[in-house]
C-alpha atoms as a PDB file:
ATOM      1  CA  UNK A   1     -48.233  92.130-127.111  1.00  0.00           C
ATOM      2  CA  UNK A   2     -44.295  91.661-126.867  1.00  0.00           C
ATOM      3  CA  UNK A   3     -44.424  91.680-130.970  1.00  0.00           C
ATOM      4  CA  UNK A   4     -45.896  94.639-131.186  1.00  0.00           C
ATOM      5  CA  UNK A   5     -43.346  96.238-129.206  1.00  0.00           C
ATOM      6  CA  UNK A   6     -41.035  94.788-131.384  1.00  0.00           C
ATOM      7  CA  UNK A   7     -42.663  95.902-134.409  1.00  0.00           C
ATOM      8  CA  UNK A   8     -42.907  99.343-132.732  1.00  0.00           C
ATOM      9  CA  UNK A   9     -39.342  99.089-132.067  1.00  0.00           C
ATOM     10  CA  UNK A  10     -38.684  98.675-135.405  1.00  0.00           C
ATOM     11  CA  UNK A  11     -40.908 101.724-136.775  1.00  0.00           C
ATOM     12  CA  UNK A  12     -39.384 104.023-134.070  1.00  0.00           C
ATOM     13  CA  UNK A  13     -35.822 103.009-135.294  1.00  0.00           C
ATOM     14  CA  UNK A  14     -36.714 103.582-139.063  1.00  0.00           C
ATOM     15  CA  UNK A  15     -38.416 107.172-138.713  1.00  0.00           C
ATOM     16  CA  UNK A  16     -35.531 109.145-138.259  1.00  0.00           C
ATOM     17  CA  UNK A  17     -33.443 107.459-141.088  1.00  0.00           C
ATOM     18  CA  UNK A  18     -33.599 109.696-143.786  1.00  0.00           C
ATOM     19  CA  UNK A  19     -31.016 108.235-146.476  1.00  0.00           C
ATOM     20  CA  UNK A  20     -28.282 105.121-146.304  1.00  0.00           C
ATOM     21  CA  UNK A  21     -25.343 106.451-145.496  1.00  0.00           C
ATOM     22  CA  UNK A  22     -21.739 104.586-144.116  1.00  0.00           C
ATOM     23  CA  UNK A  23     -23.103 103.615-141.448  1.00  0.00           C
ATOM     24  CA  UNK A  24     -25.868 100.868-141.036  1.00  0.00           C
ATOM     25  CA  UNK A  25     -29.053 103.192-141.448  1.00  0.00           C
ATOM     26  CA  UNK A  26     -31.522 102.763-138.462  1.00  0.00           C
ATOM     27  CA  UNK A  27     -33.800 101.400-140.260  1.00  0.00           C
ATOM     28  CA  UNK A  28     -31.369  98.481-141.351  1.00  0.00           C
ATOM     29  CA  UNK A  29     -30.349  97.533-138.175  1.00  0.00           C
ATOM     30  CA  UNK A  30     -33.965  97.252-136.757  1.00  0.00           C
ATOM     31  CA  UNK A  31     -34.445  95.114-139.429  1.00  0.00           C
ATOM     32  CA  UNK A  32     -31.721  93.099-138.820  1.00  0.00           C
ATOM     33  CA  UNK A  33     -32.270  92.464-134.874  1.00  0.00           C
ATOM     34  CA  UNK A  34     -35.940  91.386-135.450  1.00  0.00           C
ATOM     35  CA  UNK A  35     -34.664  88.667-138.164  1.00  0.00           C
ATOM     36  CA  UNK A  36     -31.599  87.246-135.878  1.00  0.00           C
ATOM     37  CA  UNK A  37     -33.199  87.190-132.430  1.00  0.00           C
ATOM     38  CA  UNK A  38     -36.771  88.331-133.008  1.00  0.00           C
ATOM     39  CA  UNK A  39     -37.945  85.356-131.837  1.00  0.00           C
ATOM     40  CA  UNK A  40     -34.883  85.425-128.190  1.00  0.00           C
ATOM     41  CA  UNK A  41     -36.443  88.606-127.580  1.00  0.00           C
ATOM     42  CA  UNK A  42     -40.183  87.660-127.709  1.00  0.00           C
ATOM     43  CA  UNK A  43     -39.397  84.424-125.542  1.00  0.00           C
ATOM     44  CA  UNK A  44     -37.054  86.283-122.787  1.00  0.00           C
ATOM     45  CA  UNK A  45     -37.461  90.124-123.022  1.00  0.00           C
ATOM     46  CA  UNK A  46     -41.062  90.102-122.661  1.00  0.00           C
ATOM     47  CA  UNK A  47     -42.239  93.371-120.697  1.00  0.00           C
ATOM     48  CA  UNK A  48     -38.988  95.386-121.462  1.00  0.00           C
ATOM     49  CA  UNK A  49     -39.081  98.604-122.949  1.00  0.00           C
ATOM     50  CA  UNK A  50     -36.969  98.377-126.311  1.00  0.00           C
ATOM     51  CA  UNK A  51     -34.600 100.730-126.677  1.00  0.00           C
ATOM     52  CA  UNK A  52     -31.904  99.572-127.519  1.00  0.00           C
ATOM     53  CA  UNK A  53     -29.684 100.031-124.063  1.00  0.00           C
ATOM     54  CA  UNK A  54     -32.242  98.057-122.460  1.00  0.00           C
ATOM     55  CA  UNK A  55     -32.565  95.762-124.858  1.00  0.00           C
ATOM     56  CA  UNK A  56     -28.924  95.106-124.734  1.00  0.00           C
ATOM     57  CA  UNK A  57     -29.151  94.554-121.330  1.00  0.00           C
ATOM     58  CA  UNK A  58     -31.847  92.209-121.689  1.00  0.00           C
ATOM     59  CA  UNK A  59     -30.224  90.014-124.316  1.00  0.00           C
ATOM     60  CA  UNK A  60     -26.849  90.095-122.240  1.00  0.00           C
ATOM     61  CA  UNK A  61     -28.435  88.600-119.226  1.00  0.00           C
ATOM     62  CA  UNK A  62     -29.880  86.357-121.111  1.00  0.00           C
ATOM     63  CA  UNK A  63     -27.170  84.911-123.343  1.00  0.00           C
ATOM     64  CA  UNK A  64     -27.241  81.306-121.987  1.00  0.00           C
ATOM     65  CA  UNK A  65     -30.832  80.503-123.143  1.00  0.00           C
ATOM     66  CA  UNK A  66     -30.224  82.510-126.726  1.00  0.00           C
ATOM     67  CA  UNK A  67     -30.297  81.104-129.676  1.00  0.00           C
ATOM     68  CA  UNK A  68     -26.482  81.057-131.453  1.00  0.00           C
ATOM     69  CA  UNK A  69     -27.427  83.330-134.352  1.00  0.00           C
ATOM     70  CA  UNK A  70     -28.589  85.964-132.012  1.00  0.00           C
ATOM     71  CA  UNK A  71     -25.454  85.735-130.089  1.00  0.00           C
ATOM     72  CA  UNK A  72     -23.228  85.899-132.618  1.00  0.00           C
ATOM     73  CA  UNK A  73     -24.880  89.422-134.275  1.00  0.00           C
ATOM     74  CA  UNK A  74     -27.249  91.636-131.385  1.00  0.00           C
ATOM     75  CA  UNK A  75     -23.851  92.934-129.814  1.00  0.00           C
ATOM     76  CA  UNK A  76     -22.657  94.296-133.533  1.00  0.00           C
ATOM     77  CA  UNK A  77     -26.282  95.263-134.962  1.00  0.00           C
ATOM     78  CA  UNK A  78     -27.121  97.572-131.354  1.00  0.00           C
ATOM     79  CA  UNK A  79     -23.441  98.664-131.410  1.00  0.00           C
ATOM     80  CA  UNK A  80     -24.345  99.886-135.456  1.00  0.00           C
ATOM     81  CA  UNK A  81     -27.335 101.698-133.860  1.00  0.00           C
ATOM     82  CA  UNK A  82     -24.928 103.434-131.100  1.00  0.00           C
ATOM     83  CA  UNK A  83     -22.689 104.701-134.335  1.00  0.00           C
ATOM     84  CA  UNK A  84     -25.348 106.279-136.095  1.00  0.00           C
ATOM     85  CA  UNK A  85     -26.816 107.956-133.392  1.00  0.00           C
ATOM     86  CA  UNK A  86     -23.338 109.575-132.574  1.00  0.00           C
ATOM     87  CA  UNK A  87     -22.786 110.384-135.911  1.00  0.00           C
ATOM     88  CA  UNK A  88     -25.752 112.436-135.679  1.00  0.00           C
ATOM     89  CA  UNK A  89     -24.176 113.784-132.311  1.00  0.00           C
ATOM     90  CA  UNK A  90     -21.330 114.905-134.267  1.00  0.00           C
ATOM     91  CA  UNK A  91     -22.735 116.942-137.477  1.00  0.00           C
ATOM     92  CA  UNK A  92     -23.031 119.783-134.373  1.00  0.00           C
ATOM     93  CA  UNK A  93     -19.831 119.458-133.747  1.00  0.00           C
ATOM     94  CA  UNK A  94     -18.132 118.979-136.912  1.00  0.00           C
ATOM     95  CA  UNK A  95     -20.605 121.583-138.911  1.00  0.00           C
ATOM     96  CA  UNK A  96     -20.645 124.309-136.507  1.00  0.00           C
ATOM     97  CA  UNK A  97     -18.971 127.342-138.650  1.00  0.00           C
ATOM     98  CA  UNK A  98     -21.418 125.929-141.340  1.00  0.00           C
ATOM     99  CA  UNK A  99     -24.582 125.992-139.344  1.00  0.00           C
ATOM    100  CA  UNK A 100     -23.599 129.565-137.813  1.00  0.00           C
ATOM    101  CA  UNK A 101     -22.225 131.092-141.399  1.00  0.00           C
ATOM    102  CA  UNK A 102     -23.821 129.260-144.051  1.00  0.00           C
ATOM    103  CA  UNK A 103     -27.208 128.705-143.066  1.00  0.00           C
ATOM    104  CA  UNK A 104     -27.405 131.539-140.467  1.00  0.00           C
ATOM    105  CA  UNK A 105     -28.796 129.044-137.651  1.00  0.00           C
ATOM    106  CA  UNK A 106     -27.947 127.528-133.727  1.00  0.00           C
ATOM    107  CA  UNK A 107     -25.776 124.773-133.318  1.00  0.00           C
ATOM    108  CA  UNK A 108     -28.500 124.084-130.547  1.00  0.00           C
ATOM    109  CA  UNK A 109     -30.921 123.675-132.671  1.00  0.00           C
ATOM    110  CA  UNK A 110     -28.696 121.621-135.468  1.00  0.00           C
ATOM    111  CA  UNK A 111     -31.524 119.744-136.882  1.00  0.00           C
ATOM    112  CA  UNK A 112     -33.503 122.759-138.134  1.00  0.00           C
ATOM    113  CA  UNK A 113     -29.989 123.239-140.241  1.00  0.00           C
ATOM    114  CA  UNK A 114     -29.523 119.714-141.798  1.00  0.00           C
ATOM    115  CA  UNK A 115     -31.297 120.491-145.109  1.00  0.00           C
ATOM    116  CA  UNK A 116     -29.514 123.497-145.103  1.00  0.00           C
ATOM    117  CA  UNK A 117     -26.163 121.582-144.890  1.00  0.00           C
ATOM    118  CA  UNK A 118     -27.203 119.065-146.976  1.00  0.00           C
ATOM    119  CA  UNK A 119     -27.590 121.238-150.223  1.00  0.00           C
ATOM    120  CA  UNK A 120     -24.994 124.055-149.346  1.00  0.00           C
ATOM    121  CA  UNK A 121     -21.942 124.215-150.904  1.00  0.00           C
ATOM    122  CA  UNK A 122     -18.371 124.651-149.779  1.00  0.00           C
ATOM    123  CA  UNK A 123     -18.756 122.896-146.445  1.00  0.00           C
ATOM    124  CA  UNK A 124     -15.530 121.353-144.960  1.00  0.00           C
ATOM    125  CA  UNK A 125     -14.747 117.968-145.360  1.00  0.00           C
ATOM    126  CA  UNK A 126     -15.390 117.254-141.909  1.00  0.00           C
ATOM    127  CA  UNK A 127     -18.966 118.375-142.103  1.00  0.00           C
ATOM    128  CA  UNK A 128     -19.548 116.379-144.999  1.00  0.00           C
ATOM    129  CA  UNK A 129     -18.176 113.476-143.744  1.00  0.00           C
ATOM    130  CA  UNK A 130     -19.957 113.577-140.623  1.00  0.00           C
ATOM    131  CA  UNK A 131     -23.408 114.592-142.723  1.00  0.00           C
ATOM    132  CA  UNK A 132     -22.539 111.266-144.569  1.00  0.00           C
ATOM    133  CA  UNK A 133     -21.753 109.053-141.647  1.00  0.00           C
ATOM    134  CA  UNK A 134     -25.089 110.300-140.116  1.00  0.00           C
ATOM    135  CA  UNK A 135     -27.069 109.250-143.234  1.00  0.00           C
ATOM    136  CA  UNK A 136     -28.828 112.228-143.972  1.00  0.00           C
ATOM    137  CA  UNK A 137     -27.248 112.409-147.643  1.00  0.00           C
END
């Protein structure tokens, strides 16, 4: 049951990943977390909803019984997931002008403008960097 949840967690994190970027992709982060902490998650976090915040909380509570490799790497891996999420949110802020003027979209529905932003010519440097950091390009 818990292994099934770990698999679902990995699949859920890899689904929104579009491409490799400067930040760690959801898929890479989930694979790394499964590799370094899979046994610890199975042993100590049974029944925990496997979103990154709840998983981080569970692993933090169980640091005293956790393997050394998991202790060493889980925080940086979960932080990488949060950085990717933050990078995707940044696209809406950094690309506001491009979303509205170049793509004819709405900043309330940034995800619908992403394909246009990726192929658009003349986007600002900040917008282009946000798109790259978010893993869209």
